[in-house]
């Protein structure tokens, strides 16, 4: 089941397929067991790239911050 059509937004943002795979891999590390949250964050990243709020290179270099209790 797919929750969000992030591929269409990625295409509109000019994200090449190989870079989308890399972006998905980065985001999957944050949400290994939650498909909806994973797809939502991929969509939000693609939208941020499309809007110019972040570059694709920055999104690919992002690491998850340490979580605290």
N, C-alpha and C. Protein backbone atom coordinates (compact mmCIF):
# COMPACT_ATOMS: atom_id res chain seq x y z
N UNK A 1 0.85 -1.18 0.00
CA UNK A 1 0.00 0.00 0.00
C UNK A 1 0.89 1.24 0.00
N UNK A 2 0.53 2.19 -0.83
CA UNK A 2 1.24 3.47 -0.87
C UNK A 2 0.31 4.54 -0.32
N UNK A 3 0.83 5.33 0.62
CA UNK A 3 0.04 6.36 1.27
C UNK A 3 0.11 7.70 0.55
N UNK A 4 1.31 8.04 0.04
CA UNK A 4 1.52 9.35 -0.57
C UNK A 4 2.21 9.19 -1.91
N UNK A 5 1.85 10.05 -2.88
CA UNK A 5 2.46 10.01 -4.21
C UNK A 5 3.68 10.93 -4.24
N UNK A 6 4.71 10.55 -3.52
CA UNK A 6 5.90 11.38 -3.45
C UNK A 6 6.72 11.34 -4.74
N UNK A 7 6.54 10.28 -5.56
CA UNK A 7 7.28 10.20 -6.82
C UNK A 7 6.91 11.35 -7.76
N UNK A 8 5.64 11.71 -7.81
CA UNK A 8 5.20 12.81 -8.67
C UNK A 8 5.80 14.13 -8.22
N UNK A 9 5.84 14.36 -6.92
CA UNK A 9 6.42 15.59 -6.38
C UNK A 9 7.92 15.59 -6.63
N UNK A 10 8.57 14.45 -6.46
CA UNK A 10 10.01 14.34 -6.72
C UNK A 10 10.32 14.68 -8.18
N UNK A 11 9.51 14.19 -9.08
CA UNK A 11 9.68 14.48 -10.51
C UNK A 11 9.51 15.97 -10.77
N UNK A 12 8.49 16.57 -10.19
CA UNK A 12 8.24 18.01 -10.36
C UNK A 12 9.37 18.83 -9.76
N UNK A 13 10.01 18.30 -8.73
CA UNK A 13 11.11 19.00 -8.07
C UNK A 13 12.43 18.81 -8.81
N UNK A 14 12.42 17.95 -9.83
CA UNK A 14 13.64 17.71 -10.60
C UNK A 14 14.62 16.77 -9.92
N UNK A 15 14.11 15.92 -9.05
CA UNK A 15 14.96 14.96 -8.35
C UNK A 15 15.11 13.73 -9.23
N UNK A 16 16.33 13.41 -9.66
CA UNK A 16 16.54 12.23 -10.50
C UNK A 16 16.21 10.95 -9.74
N UNK A 17 15.79 9.90 -10.45
CA UNK A 17 15.40 8.66 -9.80
C UNK A 17 16.47 8.08 -8.86
N UNK A 18 17.74 8.14 -9.26
CA UNK A 18 18.78 7.59 -8.39
C UNK A 18 18.95 8.39 -7.11
N UNK A 19 18.74 9.69 -7.19
CA UNK A 19 18.83 10.54 -6.00
C UNK A 19 17.60 10.34 -5.10
N UNK A 20 16.44 10.06 -5.71
CA UNK A 20 15.25 9.77 -4.91
C UNK A 20 15.45 8.48 -4.12
N UNK A 21 16.06 7.50 -4.75
CA UNK A 21 16.35 6.24 -4.05
C UNK A 21 17.27 6.52 -2.86
N UNK A 22 18.28 7.36 -3.06
CA UNK A 22 19.20 7.70 -1.97
C UNK A 22 18.47 8.46 -0.86
N UNK A 23 17.61 9.40 -1.23
CA UNK A 23 16.84 10.16 -0.24
C UNK A 23 15.93 9.23 0.54
N UNK A 24 15.27 8.33 -0.14
CA UNK A 24 14.40 7.36 0.52
C UNK A 24 15.18 6.50 1.51
N UNK A 25 16.39 6.13 1.14
CA UNK A 25 17.23 5.32 2.02
C UNK A 25 17.57 6.07 3.30
N UNK A 26 17.90 7.36 3.18
CA UNK A 26 18.21 8.18 4.35
C UNK A 26 16.99 8.25 5.27
N UNK A 27 15.84 8.49 4.69
CA UNK A 27 14.62 8.66 5.49
C UNK A 27 14.15 7.31 6.06
N UNK A 28 14.36 6.23 5.33
CA UNK A 28 13.96 4.91 5.82
C UNK A 28 14.68 4.57 7.12
N UNK A 29 15.92 5.06 7.28
CA UNK A 29 16.67 4.80 8.50
C UNK A 29 15.98 5.39 9.72
N UNK A 30 15.27 6.49 9.52
CA UNK A 30 14.55 7.12 10.63
C UNK A 30 13.24 6.42 10.95
N UNK A 31 12.64 5.81 9.94
CA UNK A 31 11.33 5.16 10.11
C UNK A 31 11.36 3.74 9.53
N UNK A 32 12.13 2.85 10.15
CA UNK A 32 12.28 1.51 9.56
C UNK A 32 11.02 0.65 9.61
N UNK A 33 10.09 0.98 10.51
CA UNK A 33 8.92 0.11 10.67
C UNK A 33 7.59 0.83 10.46
N UNK A 34 7.63 2.07 10.04
CA UNK A 34 6.39 2.85 9.89
C UNK A 34 6.31 3.40 8.46
N UNK A 35 5.61 2.67 7.61
CA UNK A 35 5.52 3.03 6.19
C UNK A 35 4.89 4.40 5.97
N UNK A 36 3.84 4.71 6.72
CA UNK A 36 3.17 5.99 6.51
C UNK A 36 4.08 7.16 6.89
N UNK A 37 4.75 7.07 8.02
CA UNK A 37 5.64 8.16 8.44
C UNK A 37 6.82 8.28 7.47
N UNK A 38 7.32 7.16 7.02
CA UNK A 38 8.41 7.16 6.03
C UNK A 38 7.98 7.91 4.77
N UNK A 39 6.85 7.53 4.21
CA UNK A 39 6.38 8.18 2.98
C UNK A 39 6.06 9.65 3.20
N UNK A 40 5.48 9.97 4.35
CA UNK A 40 5.17 11.36 4.65
C UNK A 40 6.44 12.20 4.68
N UNK A 41 7.48 11.69 5.29
CA UNK A 41 8.72 12.46 5.37
C UNK A 41 9.44 12.53 4.02
N UNK A 42 9.32 11.49 3.21
CA UNK A 42 9.86 11.58 1.84
C UNK A 42 9.11 12.67 1.08
N UNK A 43 7.79 12.67 1.19
CA UNK A 43 6.98 13.69 0.52
C UNK A 43 7.37 15.09 0.99
N UNK A 44 7.49 15.26 2.30
CA UNK A 44 7.84 16.59 2.84
C UNK A 44 9.22 17.02 2.39
N UNK A 45 10.17 16.10 2.31
CA UNK A 45 11.51 16.43 1.84
C UNK A 45 11.46 16.86 0.37
N UNK A 46 10.70 16.13 -0.44
CA UNK A 46 10.57 16.47 -1.86
C UNK A 46 9.91 17.84 -2.02
N UNK A 47 8.90 18.12 -1.22
CA UNK A 47 8.23 19.41 -1.29
C UNK A 47 9.17 20.54 -0.87
N UNK A 48 9.98 20.30 0.15
CA UNK A 48 10.93 21.32 0.61
C UNK A 48 11.98 21.59 -0.46
N UNK A 49 12.42 20.54 -1.15
CA UNK A 49 13.38 20.71 -2.25
C UNK A 49 12.72 21.48 -3.39
N UNK A 50 11.50 21.13 -3.72
CA UNK A 50 10.77 21.82 -4.79
C UNK A 50 10.58 23.30 -4.47
N UNK A 51 10.30 23.60 -3.21
CA UNK A 51 10.06 24.99 -2.79
C UNK A 51 11.35 25.77 -2.59
N UNK A 52 12.49 25.09 -2.63
CA UNK A 52 13.76 25.77 -2.46
C UNK A 52 14.15 25.99 -1.00
N UNK A 53 13.43 25.36 -0.08
CA UNK A 53 13.73 25.51 1.34
C UNK A 53 14.99 24.74 1.73
N UNK A 54 15.33 23.70 0.96
CA UNK A 54 16.50 22.88 1.21
C UNK A 54 16.98 22.35 -0.14
N UNK A 55 18.27 22.10 -0.23
CA UNK A 55 18.79 21.52 -1.47
C UNK A 55 18.77 20.00 -1.36
N UNK A 56 18.80 19.36 -2.48
CA UNK A 56 18.83 17.90 -2.50
C UNK A 56 20.09 17.41 -1.80
N UNK A 57 21.20 18.08 -2.03
CA UNK A 57 22.46 17.68 -1.40
C UNK A 57 22.37 17.77 0.11
N UNK A 58 21.75 18.83 0.61
CA UNK A 58 21.57 18.97 2.05
C UNK A 58 20.67 17.86 2.60
N UNK A 59 19.62 17.54 1.89
CA UNK A 59 18.70 16.50 2.34
C UNK A 59 19.40 15.14 2.39
N UNK A 60 20.28 14.90 1.45
CA UNK A 60 20.99 13.62 1.42
C UNK A 60 22.05 13.52 2.51
N UNK A 61 22.53 14.65 2.99
CA UNK A 61 23.56 14.65 4.04
C UNK A 61 22.97 14.70 5.43
N UNK A 62 21.68 14.88 5.52
CA UNK A 62 21.03 15.00 6.82
C UNK A 62 21.10 13.69 7.57
N UNK A 63 21.46 13.80 8.82
CA UNK A 63 21.42 12.64 9.69
C UNK A 63 20.41 12.92 10.78
N UNK A 64 19.82 11.91 11.27
CA UNK A 64 18.81 12.06 12.32
C UNK A 64 19.47 12.55 13.60
N UNK A 65 18.89 13.56 14.23
CA UNK A 65 19.45 14.02 15.49
C UNK A 65 19.27 12.96 16.58
N UNK A 66 20.15 13.01 17.55
CA UNK A 66 20.03 12.05 18.66
C UNK A 66 18.74 12.32 19.40
N UNK A 67 18.02 11.27 19.69
CA UNK A 67 16.75 11.42 20.39
C UNK A 67 16.98 11.36 21.89
N UNK A 68 16.29 12.20 22.60
CA UNK A 68 16.39 12.20 24.05
C UNK A 68 15.05 11.86 24.65
N UNK A 69 15.08 11.38 25.85
CA UNK A 69 13.82 11.01 26.54
C UNK A 69 13.17 12.20 27.16
